């Protein structure tokens, strides 16, 4: 294809992370989330580079020393001072598009999921990374409000999303379904949009991002959250979503191969008891591996096995995400893959 949004399994230069700052919503959990982020960096750096936006020079210096102590190869890390509001790189990071054989990174507007949270610094993060000489390819700004977690692609022109998010008036109120499809066709080379009308997780602030529910594993395979507990309040919507997935067809008319992911059961905040959005669909594909969020549940091992079936040629690596869901996201939400050709040679490690 001359123009396409790259799938997550496309070869990567790096994974982008945004380090939490003490003045963010992570303040009460800072040590815990930093420990989780350290585990994540160590795991990713076994396979490829990690780009980390850090709040200040002191944090950069500290992390340089810390990761050296953890045995991370210095050539696998690039640390850039670029303050942010929060850690959700999936939604404020750029999207990789191949156009006529040339890579572009598209920088969309991020509004804190429809104005729910402060996002001014997040929204300018890609611009500041660009100004720091981080990227080798052109960066193109877009006026559309679009978060990376809201969409998924097979890399062949099909895009998967949810009506609850992309059609929500808190995102692009002047655009209807047809107008949004036209924008994504022009920007991302999308020729088909598969809209899911059902599916949600309690505690999710994103208005049903598809990366919490259903994911492409390859152009013919979808892994999805399945609820098998009729007493759970999620059951009706997720059964309806499963029915939708069975009815979906690939561009050639064939049905998708569907891999159900187990229901983790309820996870609750230990302070006030509200339900947290635990999901195994929030996995991250990197070069040679798949990182999978786990929650200390019996279903963890079954989720790892299911994703091992979906990705037989990749290592399956569990990452404890109990701390992450305390702020209503999970592993995929923390990360944004940068396709091969993204990083500049000027973005030398530990800059």
Protein backbone atom coordinates (compact mmCIF):
# COMPACT_ATOMS: atom_id res chain seq x y z
CA UNK A 1 0.00 0.00 0.00
CA UNK A 2 1.27 3.48 -0.87
CA UNK A 3 -0.29 4.99 2.24
CA UNK A 4 -1.02 3.18 5.49
CA UNK A 5 -1.12 3.45 9.25
CA UNK A 6 1.57 1.06 10.45
CA UNK A 7 0.47 -1.85 12.65
CA UNK A 8 2.10 -2.39 16.04
CA UNK A 9 4.02 -5.43 14.78
CA UNK A 10 5.88 -3.34 12.18
CA UNK A 11 9.62 -3.26 13.08
CA UNK A 12 10.33 -0.64 15.73
CA UNK A 13 13.16 1.72 16.60
CA UNK A 14 11.96 2.22 20.15
CA UNK A 15 9.10 2.39 22.61
CA UNK A 16 8.29 5.86 23.95
CA UNK A 17 7.47 6.35 27.64
CA UNK A 18 6.66 9.46 29.68
CA UNK A 19 8.12 9.37 33.19
CA UNK A 20 5.79 10.32 36.06
CA UNK A 21 6.55 13.54 37.96
CA UNK A 22 6.01 14.18 41.68
CA UNK A 23 3.46 16.92 40.93
CA UNK A 24 1.21 14.64 38.85
CA UNK A 25 -1.76 12.49 39.88
CA UNK A 26 0.79 9.76 40.54
CA UNK A 27 2.12 11.55 43.64
CA UNK A 28 0.55 9.15 46.21
CA UNK A 29 1.80 6.14 44.21
CA UNK A 30 5.04 7.54 42.85
CA UNK A 31 7.40 4.87 44.19
CA UNK A 32 5.12 2.08 43.00
CA UNK A 33 4.61 3.40 39.49
CA UNK A 34 8.31 4.17 39.13
CA UNK A 35 9.09 0.57 40.09
CA UNK A 36 6.63 -0.65 37.45
CA UNK A 37 8.12 1.68 34.84
CA UNK A 38 11.61 0.44 35.70
CA UNK A 39 10.47 -3.15 35.15
CA UNK A 40 8.94 -2.12 31.85
CA UNK A 41 12.11 -0.37 30.65
CA UNK A 42 14.32 -3.32 31.62
CA UNK A 43 12.03 -5.70 29.71
CA UNK A 44 11.81 -3.56 26.56
CA UNK A 45 15.54 -2.76 26.51
CA UNK A 46 16.30 -6.47 26.07
CA UNK A 47 14.86 -6.12 22.56
CA UNK A 48 15.18 -2.49 21.45
CA UNK A 49 15.67 1.13 22.47
CA UNK A 50 13.49 2.99 24.95
CA UNK A 51 12.85 6.73 24.56
CA UNK A 52 11.81 8.37 27.85
CA UNK A 53 10.48 11.91 28.21
CA UNK A 54 11.51 13.05 31.69
CA UNK A 55 10.29 16.06 33.69
CA UNK A 56 13.69 17.66 34.41
CA UNK A 57 17.46 17.27 34.26
CA UNK A 58 17.64 15.88 37.80
CA UNK A 59 15.32 13.03 36.85
CA UNK A 60 17.37 12.37 33.74
CA UNK A 61 20.55 12.14 35.81
CA UNK A 62 18.89 9.90 38.40
CA UNK A 63 17.47 7.53 35.77
CA UNK A 64 20.78 7.35 33.93
CA UNK A 65 22.39 6.05 37.11
CA UNK A 66 19.42 3.91 38.12
CA UNK A 67 19.20 2.02 34.83
CA UNK A 68 22.95 1.49 34.78
CA UNK A 69 22.57 -0.18 38.18
CA UNK A 70 19.75 -2.31 36.77
CA UNK A 71 22.03 -3.52 33.98
CA UNK A 72 20.34 -1.74 31.10
CA UNK A 73 22.72 -1.24 28.19
CA UNK A 74 23.23 2.55 27.85
CA UNK A 75 22.85 2.36 24.06
CA UNK A 76 19.28 1.16 24.59
CA UNK A 77 18.14 4.35 26.37
CA UNK A 78 17.47 7.90 25.24
CA UNK A 79 16.32 10.34 27.93
CA UNK A 80 14.95 13.73 26.84
CA UNK A 81 13.79 16.51 29.16
CA UNK A 82 10.22 17.27 28.14
CA UNK A 83 7.74 17.92 31.00
CA UNK A 84 4.28 16.38 30.73
CA UNK A 85 1.01 16.30 32.64
CA UNK A 86 0.75 12.52 32.86
CA UNK A 87 2.28 9.24 31.73
CA UNK A 88 -0.08 8.03 29.00
CA UNK A 89 2.24 8.02 25.98
CA UNK A 90 -0.23 5.94 23.97
CA UNK A 91 -2.53 8.93 23.76
CA UNK A 92 -0.13 11.87 23.51
CA UNK A 93 2.49 10.09 21.41
CA UNK A 94 2.68 10.29 17.58
CA UNK A 95 1.22 7.78 15.10
CA UNK A 96 3.47 6.23 12.45
CA UNK A 97 2.29 6.33 8.84
CA UNK A 98 4.05 5.10 5.71
CA UNK A 99 3.33 7.28 2.69
CA UNK A 100 4.88 6.45 -0.70
CA UNK A 101 7.67 4.56 1.04
CA UNK A 102 8.46 7.39 3.46
CA UNK A 103 7.77 7.34 7.20
CA UNK A 104 5.81 10.18 8.80
CA UNK A 105 4.85 10.69 12.45
CA UNK A 106 1.47 12.36 12.88
CA UNK A 107 0.97 14.57 15.94
CA UNK A 108 -2.73 14.72 16.82
CA UNK A 109 -4.46 16.94 19.36
CA UNK A 110 -4.77 15.46 22.85
CA UNK A 111 -7.32 17.03 25.21
CA UNK A 112 -7.17 14.72 28.23
CA UNK A 113 -9.91 12.41 26.87
CA UNK A 114 -12.40 15.11 26.07
CA UNK A 115 -11.31 17.67 28.65
CA UNK A 116 -11.50 15.40 31.69
CA UNK A 117 -7.93 16.20 32.78
CA UNK A 118 -5.26 18.85 32.24
CA UNK A 119 -3.35 18.03 29.06
CA UNK A 120 -1.66 21.20 27.76
CA UNK A 121 1.88 19.87 28.31
CA UNK A 122 0.96 16.42 27.03
CA UNK A 123 -0.43 17.99 23.88
CA UNK A 124 2.88 19.75 23.11
CA UNK A 125 5.17 16.85 24.08
CA UNK A 126 5.78 15.57 20.54
CA UNK A 127 6.62 19.10 19.43
CA UNK A 128 9.17 19.47 22.23
CA UNK A 129 10.73 16.09 21.45
CA UNK A 130 10.99 17.21 17.83
CA UNK A 131 12.67 20.46 18.83
CA UNK A 132 15.19 18.41 20.84
CA UNK A 133 16.25 16.63 17.65
CA UNK A 134 14.70 13.32 18.65
CA UNK A 135 13.10 12.28 15.38
CA UNK A 136 14.63 11.48 12.00
CA UNK A 137 11.42 11.56 9.98
CA UNK A 138 9.00 14.43 9.31
CA UNK A 139 6.49 15.27 12.07
CA UNK A 140 3.13 16.47 10.80
CA UNK A 141 0.72 18.28 13.14
CA UNK A 142 -2.99 17.55 12.82
CA UNK A 143 -6.03 19.48 14.08
CA UNK A 144 -8.09 16.34 14.75
CA UNK A 145 -8.50 15.13 18.34
CA UNK A 146 -7.35 11.52 18.23
CA UNK A 147 -5.70 9.25 20.81
CA UNK A 148 -3.58 6.26 19.90
CA UNK A 149 -5.52 4.00 22.27
CA UNK A 150 -8.76 4.81 20.45
CA UNK A 151 -7.78 2.99 17.25
CA UNK A 152 -6.08 -0.21 16.12
CA UNK A 153 -5.11 -1.35 12.63
CA UNK A 154 -4.27 -4.44 10.63
CA UNK A 155 -1.73 -2.43 8.64
CA UNK A 156 -3.66 -3.17 5.45
CA UNK A 157 -6.19 -0.35 5.47
CA UNK A 158 -8.63 -1.59 8.12
CA UNK A 159 -9.08 0.38 11.33
CA UNK A 160 -10.91 -0.84 14.44
CA UNK A 161 -12.49 1.60 16.90
CA UNK A 162 -15.48 2.20 19.16
CA UNK A 163 -18.45 4.47 18.62
CA UNK A 164 -18.41 5.49 22.30
CA UNK A 165 -15.01 7.15 21.88
CA UNK A 166 -14.63 8.47 18.35
CA UNK A 167 -18.24 9.60 18.01
CA UNK A 168 -18.30 11.17 21.48
CA UNK A 169 -19.12 14.90 21.18
CA UNK A 170 -16.30 15.65 23.64
CA UNK A 171 -13.71 14.85 20.93
CA UNK A 172 -14.60 16.30 17.51
CA UNK A 173 -18.15 17.65 17.86
CA UNK A 174 -18.27 19.06 14.33
CA UNK A 175 -17.52 15.72 12.66
CA UNK A 176 -19.93 12.85 12.14
CA UNK A 177 -19.05 9.26 11.30
CA UNK A 178 -18.59 9.91 7.57
CA UNK A 179 -16.46 12.99 8.16
CA UNK A 180 -14.23 11.12 10.62
CA UNK A 181 -13.79 8.26 8.18
CA UNK A 182 -12.81 10.77 5.50
CA UNK A 183 -10.22 12.34 7.82
CA UNK A 184 -8.74 8.95 8.67
CA UNK A 185 -8.66 7.97 5.03
CA UNK A 186 -6.73 11.12 4.15
CA UNK A 187 -4.37 10.98 7.15
CA UNK A 188 -3.92 7.28 7.78
CA UNK A 189 -4.73 5.58 4.48
CA UNK A 190 -7.72 3.88 6.12
CA UNK A 191 -10.06 2.25 3.59
CA UNK A 192 -12.34 0.44 6.08
CA UNK A 193 -13.45 1.36 9.59
CA UNK A 194 -14.92 -1.32 11.83
CA UNK A 195 -17.06 0.43 14.45
CA UNK A 196 -17.88 -1.41 17.68
CA UNK A 197 -21.12 -0.29 19.32
CA UNK A 198 -20.62 -2.27 22.54
CA UNK A 199 -18.01 -2.77 25.22
CA UNK A 200 -16.74 -0.78 28.18
CA UNK A 201 -14.79 -1.18 31.42
CA UNK A 202 -15.75 0.41 34.72
CA UNK A 203 -13.15 2.92 35.85
CA UNK A 204 -12.04 3.69 32.29
CA UNK A 205 -11.66 7.45 31.68
CA UNK A 206 -11.20 7.12 27.91
CA UNK A 207 -14.81 6.52 26.80
CA UNK A 208 -14.05 2.93 25.73
CA UNK A 209 -10.69 2.98 24.02
CA UNK A 210 -10.50 -0.06 21.77
CA UNK A 211 -7.09 -1.03 23.17
CA UNK A 212 -8.80 -1.98 26.43
CA UNK A 213 -11.23 -4.28 24.61
CA UNK A 214 -10.08 -5.73 21.26
CA UNK A 215 -6.70 -5.84 19.51
CA UNK A 216 -5.30 -6.93 16.18
CA UNK A 217 -2.59 -9.60 16.61
CA UNK A 218 -2.06 -9.92 12.86
CA UNK A 219 -4.22 -8.98 9.86
CA UNK A 220 -6.50 -11.99 10.38
CA UNK A 221 -6.59 -12.34 14.19
CA UNK A 222 -8.35 -10.39 16.94
CA UNK A 223 -7.78 -10.92 20.67
CA UNK A 224 -10.63 -9.63 22.79
CA UNK A 225 -11.87 -9.32 26.36
CA UNK A 226 -14.47 -11.96 27.18
CA UNK A 227 -16.60 -11.84 30.31
CA UNK A 228 -17.89 -15.26 31.40
CA UNK A 229 -19.53 -14.14 34.65
CA UNK A 230 -23.25 -13.38 34.16
CA UNK A 231 -23.31 -11.71 37.59
CA UNK A 232 -20.69 -9.15 36.56
CA UNK A 233 -22.12 -5.78 35.43
CA UNK A 234 -19.85 -5.90 32.35
CA UNK A 235 -21.41 -9.12 31.11
CA UNK A 236 -24.23 -7.81 28.84
CA UNK A 237 -22.10 -5.26 26.98
CA UNK A 238 -19.15 -7.62 26.50
CA UNK A 239 -21.37 -10.45 25.27
CA UNK A 240 -22.88 -7.99 22.78
CA UNK A 241 -19.37 -6.97 21.73
CA UNK A 242 -18.42 -10.62 21.24
CA UNK A 243 -21.43 -11.05 18.96
CA UNK A 244 -20.26 -8.02 16.95
CA UNK A 245 -16.80 -9.53 16.56
CA UNK A 246 -18.22 -12.80 15.26
CA UNK A 247 -20.12 -10.82 12.64
CA UNK A 248 -17.10 -8.81 11.46
CA UNK A 249 -15.46 -9.74 8.17
CA UNK A 250 -12.03 -9.11 6.76
CA UNK A 251 -11.64 -7.16 3.51
CA UNK A 252 -11.68 -10.46 1.59
CA UNK A 253 -14.98 -11.47 3.22
CA UNK A 254 -13.54 -14.11 5.55
CA UNK A 255 -14.28 -14.05 9.28
CA UNK A 256 -11.59 -13.10 11.74
CA UNK A 257 -9.83 -15.64 13.88
CA UNK A 258 -10.97 -14.71 17.40
CA UNK A 259 -8.90 -15.36 20.52
CA UNK A 260 -10.82 -14.70 23.75
CA UNK A 261 -8.84 -13.32 26.66
CA UNK A 262 -9.97 -14.41 30.14
CA UNK A 263 -11.90 -12.16 32.44
CA UNK A 264 -9.61 -11.09 35.30
CA UNK A 265 -12.50 -10.54 37.67
CA UNK A 266 -12.99 -7.45 39.75
CA UNK A 267 -10.04 -5.33 40.87
CA UNK A 268 -10.82 -2.56 43.34
CA UNK A 269 -8.92 0.45 44.58
CA UNK A 270 -7.57 -0.34 48.05
CA UNK A 271 -8.34 3.19 49.31
CA UNK A 272 -11.93 3.90 48.32
CA UNK A 273 -12.98 0.58 46.79
CA UNK A 274 -14.01 1.80 43.32
CA UNK A 275 -13.59 -0.67 40.48
CA UNK A 276 -10.45 -0.48 38.37
CA UNK A 277 -10.25 -1.21 34.60
CA UNK A 278 -8.17 -4.39 34.60
CA UNK A 279 -7.85 -5.88 31.11
CA UNK A 280 -5.51 -8.30 29.35
CA UNK A 281 -6.20 -6.65 25.98
CA UNK A 282 -3.85 -3.80 26.93
CA UNK A 283 -0.75 -5.73 25.83
CA UNK A 284 2.23 -4.23 23.95
CA UNK A 285 3.82 -5.76 20.84
CA UNK A 286 7.56 -5.04 20.45
CA UNK A 287 10.36 -6.52 18.36
CA UNK A 288 10.44 -10.20 19.29
CA UNK A 289 8.11 -10.07 22.29
CA UNK A 290 4.68 -9.23 23.66
CA UNK A 291 4.45 -7.59 27.08
CA UNK A 292 1.25 -8.53 28.90
CA UNK A 293 -0.34 -6.78 31.90
CA UNK A 294 -1.06 -9.07 34.83
CA UNK A 295 -2.88 -8.37 38.09
CA UNK A 296 -2.08 -11.18 40.55
CA UNK A 297 -5.19 -13.07 39.46
CA UNK A 298 -5.76 -16.75 38.66
CA UNK A 299 -6.62 -15.68 35.12
CA UNK A 300 -3.13 -14.24 34.53
CA UNK A 301 -1.66 -17.57 33.41
CA UNK A 302 -4.56 -18.23 31.04
CA UNK A 303 -4.13 -14.77 29.50
CA UNK A 304 -0.43 -15.43 28.92
CA UNK A 305 -1.25 -18.77 27.32
CA UNK A 306 -3.90 -17.23 25.05
CA UNK A 307 -1.52 -14.54 23.84
CA UNK A 308 1.18 -17.16 23.39
CA UNK A 309 -1.22 -18.82 20.95
CA UNK A 310 -1.76 -15.51 19.17
CA UNK A 311 1.98 -14.74 18.98
CA UNK A 312 3.77 -18.11 18.71
CA UNK A 313 7.01 -16.56 17.43
CA UNK A 314 7.39 -13.94 20.17
CA UNK A 315 8.39 -14.11 23.82
CA UNK A 316 5.44 -13.51 26.17
CA UNK A 317 6.48 -11.36 29.13
CA UNK A 318 4.17 -10.58 32.09
CA UNK A 319 4.32 -7.12 33.67
CA UNK A 320 2.61 -6.51 37.01
CA UNK A 321 0.19 -3.64 36.37
CA UNK A 322 -1.71 -3.45 39.65
CA UNK A 323 -0.16 -0.02 40.29
CA UNK A 324 -0.94 1.18 36.77
CA UNK A 325 -4.67 0.51 36.96
CA UNK A 326 -4.84 2.61 40.13
CA UNK A 327 -4.76 5.56 37.69
CA UNK A 328 -7.23 3.85 35.32
CA UNK A 329 -4.86 2.76 32.55
CA UNK A 330 -2.67 -0.26 31.91
CA UNK A 331 0.48 -1.33 30.09
CA UNK A 332 -0.38 -0.39 26.50
CA UNK A 333 -1.64 3.00 27.69
CA UNK A 334 1.82 3.81 29.08
CA UNK A 335 3.63 3.12 25.82
CA UNK A 336 3.86 4.22 22.20
CA UNK A 337 5.86 2.26 19.66
CA UNK A 338 8.05 4.25 17.26
CA UNK A 339 8.44 2.52 13.87
CA UNK A 340 11.81 1.81 12.31
CA UNK A 341 13.19 5.06 10.89
CA UNK A 342 11.66 7.29 13.59
CA UNK A 343 14.67 8.16 15.72
CA UNK A 344 17.37 10.59 14.73
CA UNK A 345 21.03 9.72 15.06
CA UNK A 346 21.17 12.99 17.01
CA UNK A 347 18.93 11.36 19.63
CA UNK A 348 21.93 9.68 21.15
CA UNK A 349 21.47 7.61 24.29
CA UNK A 350 21.41 9.49 27.57
CA UNK A 351 21.17 12.91 25.90
